[in-house]
Amino acid sequence: MGHSADRLAAAFAVSRAEQDEYALRSHCLAQQAQEKGYLSDIIPIQVPGVAKTIVKDNGIRVASPEQLAKLKPAFVKPHGTVTAANSSFLVS
């Protein structure tokens, strides 16, 4: 999926800066929604061997534009635009 995202970004001229800006906005809005209790469909989960109960979405990561700009392309190197911060995280 990451390679496809890079190809589509290139085909539709979506810049790295635009992707980072969108990602930052998305994470900020998700954090606000979480703080306001709008993400109530998340139920607490106890992972065996882990002391802490998971009670919220741990994929929300608010960063600064400068932090996002430091990240290297994740899929198409060295000129890709999709990074760990402006794409969905990988899961199994």
N, C-alpha and C. Protein backbone atom coordinates (compact mmCIF):
# COMPACT_ATOMS: atom_id res chain seq x y z
N MET A 1 0.81 -1.19 0.00
CA MET A 1 0.00 0.00 0.00
C MET A 1 0.86 1.26 0.00
N GLY A 2 1.98 1.21 0.69
CA GLY A 2 2.84 2.38 0.74
C GLY A 2 3.40 2.76 -0.61
N HIS A 3 3.78 1.75 -1.39
CA HIS A 3 4.29 2.01 -2.75
C HIS A 3 3.18 2.63 -3.60
N SER A 4 1.97 2.12 -3.46
CA SER A 4 0.84 2.67 -4.22
C SER A 4 0.58 4.12 -3.82
N ALA A 5 0.66 4.40 -2.53
CA ALA A 5 0.45 5.77 -2.06
C ALA A 5 1.50 6.71 -2.64
N ASP A 6 2.75 6.26 -2.69
CA ASP A 6 3.81 7.08 -3.28
C ASP A 6 3.54 7.33 -4.77
N ARG A 7 3.14 6.28 -5.48
CA ARG A 7 2.86 6.44 -6.92
C ARG A 7 1.68 7.38 -7.15
N LEU A 8 0.64 7.25 -6.35
CA LEU A 8 -0.53 8.13 -6.50
C LEU A 8 -0.18 9.58 -6.15
N ALA A 9 0.61 9.76 -5.11
CA ALA A 9 1.03 11.12 -4.75
C ALA A 9 1.79 11.76 -5.90
N ALA A 10 2.65 11.00 -6.54
CA ALA A 10 3.41 11.52 -7.69
C ALA A 10 2.48 11.79 -8.87
N ALA A 11 1.56 10.87 -9.14
CA ALA A 11 0.66 11.02 -10.29
C ALA A 11 -0.26 12.22 -10.15
N PHE A 12 -0.68 12.52 -8.92
CA PHE A 12 -1.60 13.63 -8.70
C PHE A 12 -0.91 14.86 -8.12
N ALA A 13 0.41 14.87 -8.15
CA ALA A 13 1.21 16.01 -7.71
C ALA A 13 0.88 16.45 -6.28
N VAL A 14 0.77 15.48 -5.38
CA VAL A 14 0.56 15.79 -3.96
C VAL A 14 1.95 15.80 -3.31
N SER A 15 2.34 16.96 -2.84
CA SER A 15 3.70 17.12 -2.31
C SER A 15 3.86 16.49 -0.93
N ARG A 16 5.08 16.30 -0.54
CA ARG A 16 5.39 15.79 0.79
C ARG A 16 4.86 16.76 1.84
N ALA A 17 5.04 18.05 1.61
CA ALA A 17 4.56 19.06 2.56
C ALA A 17 3.05 18.98 2.73
N GLU A 18 2.33 18.78 1.63
CA GLU A 18 0.86 18.66 1.71
C GLU A 18 0.46 17.41 2.49
N GLN A 19 1.17 16.32 2.26
CA GLN A 19 0.87 15.09 2.99
C GLN A 19 1.15 15.26 4.48
N ASP A 20 2.26 15.89 4.81
CA ASP A 20 2.60 16.12 6.22
C ASP A 20 1.58 17.04 6.88
N GLU A 21 1.16 18.08 6.18
CA GLU A 21 0.18 19.02 6.72
C GLU A 21 -1.15 18.30 6.99
N TYR A 22 -1.57 17.47 6.06
CA TYR A 22 -2.82 16.72 6.23
C TYR A 22 -2.71 15.76 7.41
N ALA A 23 -1.57 15.08 7.51
CA ALA A 23 -1.36 14.13 8.61
C ALA A 23 -1.38 14.83 9.96
N LEU A 24 -0.72 15.96 10.05
CA LEU A 24 -0.68 16.72 11.30
C LEU A 24 -2.09 17.15 11.70
N ARG A 25 -2.85 17.67 10.75
CA ARG A 25 -4.23 18.08 11.01
C ARG A 25 -5.06 16.88 11.47
N SER A 26 -4.91 15.76 10.80
CA SER A 26 -5.67 14.56 11.14
C SER A 26 -5.37 14.09 12.57
N HIS A 27 -4.09 14.07 12.94
CA HIS A 27 -3.72 13.63 14.29
C HIS A 27 -4.21 14.63 15.34
N CYS A 28 -4.15 15.92 15.04
CA CYS A 28 -4.65 16.93 15.98
C CYS A 28 -6.15 16.77 16.20
N LEU A 29 -6.89 16.57 15.12
CA LEU A 29 -8.34 16.37 15.24
C LEU A 29 -8.67 15.08 15.98
N ALA A 30 -7.91 14.04 15.74
CA ALA A 30 -8.13 12.77 16.44
C ALA A 30 -7.86 12.93 17.94
N GLN A 31 -6.80 13.67 18.27
CA GLN A 31 -6.49 13.90 19.68
C GLN A 31 -7.61 14.70 20.35
N GLN A 32 -8.11 15.72 19.67
CA GLN A 32 -9.22 16.51 20.22
C GLN A 32 -10.46 15.64 20.43
N ALA A 33 -10.75 14.80 19.46
CA ALA A 33 -11.91 13.91 19.57
C ALA A 33 -11.74 12.95 20.75
N GLN A 34 -10.53 12.44 20.92
CA GLN A 34 -10.27 11.52 22.03
C GLN A 34 -10.45 12.24 23.37
N GLU A 35 -9.92 13.46 23.47
CA GLU A 35 -10.02 14.23 24.71
C GLU A 35 -11.47 14.58 25.04
N LYS A 36 -12.31 14.76 24.03
CA LYS A 36 -13.72 15.11 24.24
C LYS A 36 -14.60 13.88 24.43
N GLY A 37 -14.00 12.69 24.36
CA GLY A 37 -14.76 11.47 24.58
C GLY A 37 -15.53 10.97 23.37
N TYR A 38 -15.21 11.48 22.19
CA TYR A 38 -15.92 11.07 20.98
C TYR A 38 -15.50 9.68 20.48
N LEU A 39 -14.39 9.17 20.96
CA LEU A 39 -13.92 7.86 20.52
C LEU A 39 -14.33 6.79 21.53
N SER A 40 -15.59 6.81 21.90
CA SER A 40 -16.09 5.93 22.95
C SER A 40 -16.26 4.48 22.50
N ASP A 41 -16.05 4.20 21.23
CA ASP A 41 -16.19 2.83 20.74
C ASP A 41 -14.95 1.98 21.05
N ILE A 42 -13.93 2.59 21.63
CA ILE A 42 -12.72 1.85 22.00
C ILE A 42 -12.92 1.27 23.39
N ILE A 43 -12.80 -0.04 23.51
CA ILE A 43 -12.99 -0.69 24.80
C ILE A 43 -11.62 -1.04 25.40
N PRO A 44 -11.52 -1.02 26.73
CA PRO A 44 -10.25 -1.36 27.38
C PRO A 44 -9.84 -2.80 27.05
N ILE A 45 -8.56 -3.00 26.80
CA ILE A 45 -8.02 -4.32 26.47
C ILE A 45 -6.83 -4.59 27.38
N GLN A 46 -6.81 -5.77 27.96
CA GLN A 46 -5.66 -6.19 28.76
C GLN A 46 -4.85 -7.17 27.93
N VAL A 47 -3.62 -6.80 27.65
CA VAL A 47 -2.72 -7.65 26.87
C VAL A 47 -1.95 -8.54 27.84
N PRO A 48 -1.97 -9.85 27.62
CA PRO A 48 -1.23 -10.75 28.51
C PRO A 48 0.25 -10.36 28.59
N GLY A 49 0.76 -10.29 29.81
CA GLY A 49 2.16 -9.96 30.02
C GLY A 49 2.45 -8.47 30.05
N VAL A 50 1.43 -7.65 29.86
CA VAL A 50 1.60 -6.19 29.90
C VAL A 50 0.81 -5.65 31.09
N ALA A 51 1.47 -4.89 31.94
CA ALA A 51 0.85 -4.41 33.17
C ALA A 51 -0.27 -3.39 32.92
N LYS A 52 -0.08 -2.54 31.92
CA LYS A 52 -1.04 -1.48 31.65
C LYS A 52 -2.17 -1.95 30.75
N THR A 53 -3.38 -1.52 31.06
CA THR A 53 -4.53 -1.79 30.21
C THR A 53 -4.57 -0.74 29.11
N ILE A 54 -4.81 -1.17 27.89
CA ILE A 54 -4.92 -0.23 26.77
C ILE A 54 -6.33 0.36 26.80
N VAL A 55 -6.42 1.68 26.93
CA VAL A 55 -7.72 2.33 27.07
C VAL A 55 -7.99 3.39 26.00
N LYS A 56 -7.01 3.63 25.13
CA LYS A 56 -7.22 4.63 24.09
C LYS A 56 -6.42 4.26 22.85
N ASP A 57 -6.75 4.90 21.76
CA ASP A 57 -6.06 4.69 20.49
C ASP A 57 -4.62 5.16 20.65
N ASN A 58 -3.67 4.25 20.51
CA ASN A 58 -2.27 4.64 20.66
C ASN A 58 -1.61 4.99 19.33
N GLY A 59 -2.41 5.11 18.28
CA GLY A 59 -1.88 5.50 16.98
C GLY A 59 -1.92 7.00 16.75
N ILE A 60 -2.51 7.73 17.69
CA ILE A 60 -2.59 9.19 17.56
C ILE A 60 -1.28 9.77 18.06
N ARG A 61 -0.57 10.44 17.17
CA ARG A 61 0.72 11.02 17.52
C ARG A 61 0.80 12.44 16.95
N VAL A 62 0.64 13.40 17.84
CA VAL A 62 0.72 14.79 17.41
C VAL A 62 2.18 15.21 17.47
N ALA A 63 2.68 15.72 16.36
CA ALA A 63 4.07 16.16 16.25
C ALA A 63 4.09 17.57 15.68
N SER A 64 5.27 18.10 15.52
CA SER A 64 5.40 19.42 14.90
C SER A 64 5.72 19.24 13.41
N PRO A 65 5.48 20.26 12.60
CA PRO A 65 5.85 20.18 11.19
C PRO A 65 7.35 19.88 11.02
N GLU A 66 8.16 20.42 11.92
CA GLU A 66 9.61 20.19 11.84
C GLU A 66 9.96 18.72 12.09
N GLN A 67 9.26 18.11 13.05
CA GLN A 67 9.50 16.69 13.33
C GLN A 67 9.09 15.83 12.13
N LEU A 68 7.96 16.16 11.52
CA LEU A 68 7.50 15.39 10.36
C LEU A 68 8.48 15.51 9.20
N ALA A 69 9.01 16.70 9.00
CA ALA A 69 9.92 16.94 7.88
C ALA A 69 11.23 16.16 8.01
N LYS A 70 11.61 15.78 9.22
CA LYS A 70 12.86 15.05 9.44
C LYS A 70 12.77 13.58 9.02
N LEU A 71 11.57 13.06 8.91
CA LEU A 71 11.42 11.63 8.62
C LEU A 71 11.76 11.29 7.18
N LYS A 72 12.35 10.13 7.01
CA LYS A 72 12.75 9.67 5.68
C LYS A 72 11.59 8.93 5.02
N PRO A 73 11.60 8.87 3.70
CA PRO A 73 10.57 8.10 2.99
C PRO A 73 10.57 6.64 3.47
N ALA A 74 9.39 6.07 3.61
CA ALA A 74 9.27 4.72 4.14
C ALA A 74 9.27 3.64 3.07
N PHE A 75 8.87 3.98 1.86
CA PHE A 75 8.68 2.94 0.85
C PHE A 75 9.54 3.13 -0.40
N VAL A 76 9.42 4.28 -1.04
CA VAL A 76 10.18 4.55 -2.26
C VAL A 76 11.36 5.43 -1.86
N LYS A 77 12.55 4.86 -1.88
CA LYS A 77 13.72 5.59 -1.42
C LYS A 77 14.62 5.93 -2.59
N PRO A 78 15.24 7.07 -2.61
CA PRO A 78 15.25 8.12 -1.60
C PRO A 78 14.25 9.24 -1.88
N HIS A 79 13.47 9.14 -2.94
CA HIS A 79 12.65 10.28 -3.36
C HIS A 79 11.16 10.15 -3.07
N GLY A 80 10.77 9.16 -2.31
CA GLY A 80 9.36 9.00 -1.99
C GLY A 80 8.87 10.10 -1.06
N THR A 81 7.57 10.19 -0.89
CA THR A 81 6.99 11.22 -0.04
C THR A 81 6.18 10.64 1.11
N VAL A 82 5.93 9.35 1.10
CA VAL A 82 5.15 8.72 2.16
C VAL A 82 6.10 8.31 3.29
N THR A 83 5.80 8.76 4.50
CA THR A 83 6.64 8.48 5.66
C THR A 83 5.82 7.76 6.73
N ALA A 84 6.49 7.40 7.81
CA ALA A 84 5.80 6.76 8.93
C ALA A 84 4.79 7.71 9.57
N ALA A 85 4.97 9.00 9.42
CA ALA A 85 4.08 9.97 10.06
C ALA A 85 2.90 10.39 9.19
N ASN A 86 3.04 10.34 7.88
CA ASN A 86 1.93 10.81 7.03
C ASN A 86 1.17 9.67 6.36
N SER A 87 1.36 8.47 6.87
CA SER A 87 0.60 7.32 6.38
C SER A 87 0.06 6.56 7.59
N SER A 88 -0.84 5.63 7.34
CA SER A 88 -1.32 4.82 8.46
C SER A 88 -0.21 3.88 8.90
N PHE A 89 -0.22 3.53 10.17
CA PHE A 89 0.85 2.67 10.66
C PHE A 89 0.61 1.23 10.20
N LEU A 90 1.70 0.48 10.13
CA LEU A 90 1.64 -0.90 9.67
C LEU A 90 1.20 -1.81 10.81
N VAL A 91 0.28 -2.71 10.50
CA VAL A 91 -0.19 -3.69 11.47
C VAL A 91 -0.21 -5.06 10.82
N SER A 92 -0.26 -6.07 11.63
CA SER A 92 -0.30 -7.42 11.06
C SER A 92 -1.73 -7.90 10.93
